[in-house]
Amino acid sequence: MTDIHPLGFIHGRFQILHNDHLTYLLAGKRLCKHLIIGVTNPDAASTRDEAADPARSSRANNPLSYEERATMIRAALVEAGVDPETFDIVPFPICRPELYDRHCPAEAVYFLTIYDDWGREKKRRFEAHGLRTQVLWERPSSEKDIEGKNVRAAIRDGREWRHLVPPSVAKLVDEWDLAGRLREK
């Protein structure tokens, strides 16, 4: 049986929160009593180019604000039946390891998934700071079912995308006219 940790920490850009993100978040939540969700690239000052994943810092790949992503995450988790008292959403400067001491609770277990060199680099960074990690799964990138860039492109181009995101996220995409915003970029 898997141990239930008092505190877990999971992270991602969530540009746009899709069904695979929700699966990842729920997998982490099942392993802890309280989950902190770190939203990476929360603002321009916290974003840096990364050799292991150079496209992640481009403006086109980060159309949603931290607040919009936090709203999407909260809506999707509550819609999935997660008690909002059992998770928190915080900005997380993954690209700025020198700030981890301010943002990373030492008592948490850091949940990750690994698909590529960027996933391995994040694990290495956490462990270099003495943080406990737990890999939820490691798979080749070819086994990634949904990617945010493809969801964003489908929304922008008017193709079918609603089946790729939780219903609460689809509603927010419409409310915020994300399709129009993506076409402007």
C-alpha atoms as a PDB file:
ATOM      1  CA  MET A   1       0.000   0.000   0.000  1.00  0.00           C
ATOM      2  CA  THR A   2       1.206   3.499  -0.833  1.00  0.00           C
ATOM      3  CA  ASP A   3       1.919   5.880   2.035  1.00  0.00           C
ATOM      4  CA  ILE A   4      -0.309   8.930   2.318  1.00  0.00           C
ATOM      5  CA  HIS A   5       1.948  11.912   2.914  1.00  0.00           C
ATOM      6  CA  PRO A   6       0.783  14.826   5.081  1.00  0.00           C
ATOM      7  CA  LEU A   7       1.900  17.352   2.445  1.00  0.00           C
ATOM      8  CA  GLY A   8       2.516  17.002  -1.265  1.00  0.00           C
ATOM      9  CA  PHE A   9       3.718  19.517  -3.834  1.00  0.00           C
ATOM     10  CA  ILE A  10       3.002  19.227  -7.544  1.00  0.00           C
ATOM     11  CA  HIS A  11       3.686  21.737 -10.271  1.00  0.00           C
ATOM     12  CA  GLY A  12       3.117  22.666 -13.895  1.00  0.00           C
ATOM     13  CA  ARG A  13       2.530  25.548 -16.281  1.00  0.00           C
ATOM     14  CA  PHE A  14      -1.074  24.452 -16.999  1.00  0.00           C
ATOM     15  CA  GLN A  15      -1.226  26.574 -20.161  1.00  0.00           C
ATOM     16  CA  ILE A  16      -4.214  25.434 -20.652  1.00  0.00           C
ATOM     17  CA  LEU A  17      -5.383  22.959 -18.038  1.00  0.00           C
ATOM     18  CA  HIS A  18      -6.354  19.803 -19.944  1.00  0.00           C
ATOM     19  CA  ASN A  19      -7.547  16.315 -19.018  1.00  0.00           C
ATOM     20  CA  ASP A  20      -4.028  14.861 -18.682  1.00  0.00           C
ATOM     21  CA  HIS A  21      -3.142  17.685 -16.289  1.00  0.00           C
ATOM     22  CA  LEU A  22      -6.212  16.795 -14.243  1.00  0.00           C
ATOM     23  CA  THR A  23      -5.147  13.123 -14.175  1.00  0.00           C
ATOM     24  CA  TYR A  24      -1.700  14.226 -12.947  1.00  0.00           C
ATOM     25  CA  LEU A  25      -3.147  16.514 -10.255  1.00  0.00           C
ATOM     26  CA  LEU A  26      -5.552  13.833  -9.017  1.00  0.00           C
ATOM     27  CA  ALA A  27      -2.738  11.250  -8.914  1.00  0.00           C
ATOM     28  CA  GLY A  28      -0.752  13.579  -6.661  1.00  0.00           C
ATOM     29  CA  LYS A  29      -3.773  14.390  -4.496  1.00  0.00           C
ATOM     30  CA  ARG A  30      -4.438  10.692  -3.874  1.00  0.00           C
ATOM     31  CA  LEU A  31      -0.978  10.451  -2.276  1.00  0.00           C
ATOM     32  CA  CYS A  32      -1.313  13.236   0.279  1.00  0.00           C
ATOM     33  CA  LYS A  33      -3.695  14.825   2.743  1.00  0.00           C
ATOM     34  CA  HIS A  34      -2.950  18.347   1.517  1.00  0.00           C
ATOM     35  CA  LEU A  35      -1.611  19.243  -1.917  1.00  0.00           C
ATOM     36  CA  ILE A  36       0.182  22.430  -2.879  1.00  0.00           C
ATOM     37  CA  ILE A  37      -0.060  23.104  -6.608  1.00  0.00           C
ATOM     38  CA  GLY A  38       2.770  25.271  -7.882  1.00  0.00           C
ATOM     39  CA  VAL A  39       1.957  27.179 -11.055  1.00  0.00           C
ATOM     40  CA  THR A  40       5.198  27.689 -12.960  1.00  0.00           C
ATOM     41  CA  ASN A  41       6.015  30.701 -15.121  1.00  0.00           C
ATOM     42  CA  PRO A  42       3.644  32.744 -12.937  1.00  0.00           C
ATOM     43  CA  ASP A  43       4.985  36.040 -14.306  1.00  0.00           C
ATOM     44  CA  ALA A  44       7.699  37.369 -16.595  1.00  0.00           C
ATOM     45  CA  ALA A  45      10.171  37.897 -13.729  1.00  0.00           C
ATOM     46  CA  SER A  46       9.936  34.218 -12.728  1.00  0.00           C
ATOM     47  CA  THR A  47      10.350  32.886 -16.254  1.00  0.00           C
ATOM     48  CA  ARG A  48      13.702  32.037 -17.786  1.00  0.00           C
ATOM     49  CA  ASP A  49      14.797  30.221 -20.911  1.00  0.00           C
ATOM     50  CA  GLU A  50      15.576  26.580 -20.216  1.00  0.00           C
ATOM     51  CA  ALA A  51      17.995  24.627 -22.401  1.00  0.00           C
ATOM     52  CA  ALA A  52      16.104  21.399 -21.656  1.00  0.00           C
ATOM     53  CA  ASP A  53      12.813  22.929 -22.920  1.00  0.00           C
ATOM     54  CA  PRO A  54      13.447  26.190 -24.794  1.00  0.00           C
ATOM     55  CA  ALA A  55       9.849  26.756 -25.993  1.00  0.00           C
ATOM     56  CA  ARG A  56       8.370  26.787 -22.495  1.00  0.00           C
ATOM     57  CA  SER A  57       9.285  30.415 -21.833  1.00  0.00           C
ATOM     58  CA  SER A  58       7.948  31.978 -25.038  1.00  0.00           C
ATOM     59  CA  ARG A  59       5.093  34.445 -24.713  1.00  0.00           C
ATOM     60  CA  ALA A  60       2.988  32.512 -27.247  1.00  0.00           C
ATOM     61  CA  ASN A  61       3.211  29.416 -25.042  1.00  0.00           C
ATOM     62  CA  ASN A  62       2.133  31.331 -21.936  1.00  0.00           C
ATOM     63  CA  PRO A  63      -1.113  33.126 -22.863  1.00  0.00           C
ATOM     64  CA  LEU A  64      -2.850  32.751 -19.496  1.00  0.00           C
ATOM     65  CA  SER A  65      -2.028  34.725 -16.374  1.00  0.00           C
ATOM     66  CA  TYR A  66      -1.230  33.028 -13.090  1.00  0.00           C
ATOM     67  CA  GLU A  67      -4.664  34.061 -11.776  1.00  0.00           C
ATOM     68  CA  GLU A  68      -6.458  32.561 -14.782  1.00  0.00           C
ATOM     69  CA  ARG A  69      -4.595  29.281 -14.431  1.00  0.00           C
ATOM     70  CA  ALA A  70      -5.281  29.158 -10.688  1.00  0.00           C
ATOM     71  CA  THR A  71      -8.984  29.699 -11.424  1.00  0.00           C
ATOM     72  CA  MET A  72      -8.959  26.856 -13.974  1.00  0.00           C
ATOM     73  CA  ILE A  73      -7.168  24.479 -11.614  1.00  0.00           C
ATOM     74  CA  ARG A  74      -9.498  25.240  -8.718  1.00  0.00           C
ATOM     75  CA  ALA A  75     -12.609  24.859 -10.894  1.00  0.00           C
ATOM     76  CA  ALA A  76     -11.445  21.556 -12.394  1.00  0.00           C
ATOM     77  CA  LEU A  77     -10.438  20.023  -9.048  1.00  0.00           C
ATOM     78  CA  VAL A  78     -13.671  21.043  -7.329  1.00  0.00           C
ATOM     79  CA  GLU A  79     -15.639  19.744 -10.328  1.00  0.00           C
ATOM     80  CA  ALA A  80     -13.738  16.433  -9.929  1.00  0.00           C
ATOM     81  CA  GLY A  81     -14.873  16.230  -6.295  1.00  0.00           C
ATOM     82  CA  VAL A  82     -11.734  17.429  -4.503  1.00  0.00           C
ATOM     83  CA  ASP A  83     -12.448  19.349  -1.291  1.00  0.00           C
ATOM     84  CA  PRO A  84     -11.048  22.877  -1.796  1.00  0.00           C
ATOM     85  CA  GLU A  85      -9.826  22.861   1.819  1.00  0.00           C
ATOM     86  CA  THR A  86      -7.344  20.086   0.889  1.00  0.00           C
ATOM     87  CA  PHE A  87      -5.300  21.991  -1.684  1.00  0.00           C
ATOM     88  CA  ASP A  88      -3.651  25.356  -2.254  1.00  0.00           C
ATOM     89  CA  ILE A  89      -2.480  26.961  -5.479  1.00  0.00           C
ATOM     90  CA  VAL A  90       0.659  29.094  -5.398  1.00  0.00           C
ATOM     91  CA  PRO A  91       3.036  30.741  -7.878  1.00  0.00           C
ATOM     92  CA  PHE A  92       6.175  28.631  -8.308  1.00  0.00           C
ATOM     93  CA  PRO A  93       9.371  29.878 -10.007  1.00  0.00           C
ATOM     94  CA  ILE A  94      10.616  26.515 -11.315  1.00  0.00           C
ATOM     95  CA  CYS A  95      13.176  28.321 -13.511  1.00  0.00           C
ATOM     96  CA  ARG A  96      14.716  30.100 -10.511  1.00  0.00           C
ATOM     97  CA  PRO A  97      16.231  27.441  -8.217  1.00  0.00           C
ATOM     98  CA  GLU A  98      17.851  30.195  -6.148  1.00  0.00           C
ATOM     99  CA  LEU A  99      14.324  31.014  -4.921  1.00  0.00           C
ATOM    100  CA  TYR A 100      13.315  27.473  -3.926  1.00  0.00           C
ATOM    101  CA  ASP A 101      14.126  28.103  -0.255  1.00  0.00           C
ATOM    102  CA  ARG A 102      11.317  30.692  -0.211  1.00  0.00           C
ATOM    103  CA  HIS A 103       8.794  28.609  -2.150  1.00  0.00           C
ATOM    104  CA  CYS A 104       9.430  24.941  -1.371  1.00  0.00           C
ATOM    105  CA  PRO A 105       8.271  23.570   1.989  1.00  0.00           C
ATOM    106  CA  ALA A 106      10.946  21.143   3.196  1.00  0.00           C
ATOM    107  CA  GLU A 107       8.361  18.765   4.694  1.00  0.00           C
ATOM    108  CA  ALA A 108       6.544  18.191   1.388  1.00  0.00           C
ATOM    109  CA  VAL A 109       7.012  15.318  -1.031  1.00  0.00           C
ATOM    110  CA  TYR A 110       7.534  16.679  -4.560  1.00  0.00           C
ATOM    111  CA  PHE A 111       5.506  14.737  -7.117  1.00  0.00           C
ATOM    112  CA  LEU A 112       6.726  14.678 -10.713  1.00  0.00           C
ATOM    113  CA  THR A 113       6.097  12.989 -14.011  1.00  0.00           C
ATOM    114  CA  ILE A 114       8.982  12.524 -16.411  1.00  0.00           C
ATOM    115  CA  TYR A 115       8.645  12.506 -20.194  1.00  0.00           C
ATOM    116  CA  ASP A 116      11.913  14.156 -21.262  1.00  0.00           C
ATOM    117  CA  ASP A 117      15.139  15.871 -20.218  1.00  0.00           C
ATOM    118  CA  TRP A 118      13.183  18.752 -18.665  1.00  0.00           C
ATOM    119  CA  GLY A 119      11.423  16.349 -16.287  1.00  0.00           C
ATOM    120  CA  ARG A 120      14.762  14.805 -15.295  1.00  0.00           C
ATOM    121  CA  GLU A 121      16.250  18.283 -14.794  1.00  0.00           C
ATOM    122  CA  LYS A 122      13.430  19.312 -12.446  1.00  0.00           C
ATOM    123  CA  LYS A 123      13.904  16.131 -10.394  1.00  0.00           C
ATOM    124  CA  ARG A 124      17.635  16.842 -10.197  1.00  0.00           C
ATOM    125  CA  ARG A 125      16.985  20.435  -9.043  1.00  0.00           C
ATOM    126  CA  PHE A 126      14.596  19.362  -6.296  1.00  0.00           C
ATOM    127  CA  GLU A 127      16.976  16.691  -5.038  1.00  0.00           C
ATOM    128  CA  ALA A 128      19.934  19.129  -5.155  1.00  0.00           C
ATOM    129  CA  HIS A 129      17.942  21.267  -2.701  1.00  0.00           C
ATOM    130  CA  GLY A 130      17.429  18.280  -0.395  1.00  0.00           C
ATOM    131  CA  LEU A 131      13.743  17.900  -1.297  1.00  0.00           C
ATOM    132  CA  ARG A 132      12.099  14.469  -1.339  1.00  0.00           C
ATOM    133  CA  THR A 133      10.742  13.511  -4.748  1.00  0.00           C
ATOM    134  CA  GLN A 134       8.326  10.865  -5.926  1.00  0.00           C
ATOM    135  CA  VAL A 135       7.985  10.136  -9.633  1.00  0.00           C
ATOM    136  CA  LEU A 136       4.330   9.396 -10.389  1.00  0.00           C
ATOM    137  CA  TRP A 137       5.271   7.926 -13.771  1.00  0.00           C
ATOM    138  CA  GLU A 138       8.066   8.091 -16.316  1.00  0.00           C
ATOM    139  CA  ARG A 139       7.190   7.584 -19.973  1.00  0.00           C
ATOM    140  CA  PRO A 140       8.659   8.517 -23.346  1.00  0.00           C
ATOM    141  CA  SER A 141       7.344  11.806 -24.735  1.00  0.00           C
ATOM    142  CA  SER A 142       5.696   9.833 -27.551  1.00  0.00           C
ATOM    143  CA  GLU A 143       3.241   8.499 -24.938  1.00  0.00           C
ATOM    144  CA  LYS A 144       2.008  11.968 -23.956  1.00  0.00           C
ATOM    145  CA  ASP A 145      -1.636  11.965 -25.013  1.00  0.00           C
ATOM    146  CA  ILE A 146      -2.477  15.662 -24.734  1.00  0.00           C
ATOM    147  CA  GLU A 147      -0.144  18.642 -24.962  1.00  0.00           C
ATOM    148  CA  GLY A 148      -1.108  22.183 -24.068  1.00  0.00           C
ATOM    149  CA  LYS A 149       0.314  23.570 -27.319  1.00  0.00           C
ATOM    150  CA  ASN A 150      -2.068  21.354 -29.306  1.00  0.00           C
ATOM    151  CA  VAL A 151      -5.054  22.392 -27.183  1.00  0.00           C
ATOM    152  CA  ARG A 152      -4.136  26.073 -27.613  1.00  0.00           C
ATOM    153  CA  ALA A 153      -3.753  25.605 -31.387  1.00  0.00           C
ATOM    154  CA  ALA A 154      -7.138  23.874 -31.646  1.00  0.00           C
ATOM    155  CA  ILE A 155      -8.819  26.676 -29.682  1.00  0.00           C
ATOM    156  CA  ARG A 156      -7.067  29.342 -31.775  1.00  0.00           C
ATOM    157  CA  ASP A 157      -7.897  27.636 -35.102  1.00  0.00           C
ATOM    158  CA  GLY A 158     -11.526  26.852 -34.286  1.00  0.00           C
ATOM    159  CA  ARG A 159     -10.994  23.070 -34.297  1.00  0.00           C
ATOM    160  CA  GLU A 160     -12.607  20.681 -31.806  1.00  0.00           C
ATOM    161  CA  TRP A 161     -10.967  20.949 -28.371  1.00  0.00           C
ATOM    162  CA  ARG A 162     -13.682  20.654 -25.712  1.00  0.00           C
ATOM    163  CA  HIS A 163     -13.153  16.910 -25.280  1.00  0.00           C
ATOM    164  CA  LEU A 164      -9.537  17.632 -24.244  1.00  0.00           C
ATOM    165  CA  VAL A 165     -10.361  19.759 -21.195  1.00  0.00           C
ATOM    166  CA  PRO A 166     -12.622  19.462 -18.142  1.00  0.00           C
ATOM    167  CA  PRO A 167     -16.080  21.051 -18.677  1.00  0.00           C
ATOM    168  CA  SER A 168     -15.328  23.795 -16.141  1.00  0.00           C
ATOM    169  CA  VAL A 169     -12.219  24.770 -18.118  1.00  0.00           C
ATOM    170  CA  ALA A 170     -14.160  24.872 -21.405  1.00  0.00           C
ATOM    171  CA  LYS A 171     -16.612  27.262 -19.778  1.00  0.00           C
ATOM    172  CA  LEU A 172     -13.782  29.567 -18.654  1.00  0.00           C
ATOM    173  CA  VAL A 173     -12.133  29.460 -22.096  1.00  0.00           C
ATOM    174  CA  ASP A 174     -15.412  30.713 -23.555  1.00  0.00           C
ATOM    175  CA  GLU A 175     -15.986  33.339 -20.842  1.00  0.00           C
ATOM    176  CA  TRP A 176     -12.493  34.754 -21.319  1.00  0.00           C
ATOM    177  CA  ASP A 177     -12.623  34.604 -25.151  1.00  0.00           C
ATOM    178  CA  LEU A 178      -9.343  32.723 -25.155  1.00  0.00           C
ATOM    179  CA  ALA A 179      -9.816  31.878 -28.855  1.00  0.00           C
ATOM    180  CA  GLY A 180      -9.795  35.573 -29.713  1.00  0.00           C
ATOM    181  CA  ARG A 181      -6.796  36.240 -27.493  1.00  0.00           C
ATOM    182  CA  LEU A 182      -4.839  33.379 -29.059  1.00  0.00           C
ATOM    183  CA  ARG A 183      -5.585  34.656 -32.563  1.00  0.00           C
ATOM    184  CA  GLU A 184      -4.223  38.098 -31.551  1.00  0.00           C
ATOM    185  CA  LYS A 185      -0.833  36.698 -30.473  1.00  0.00           C
END
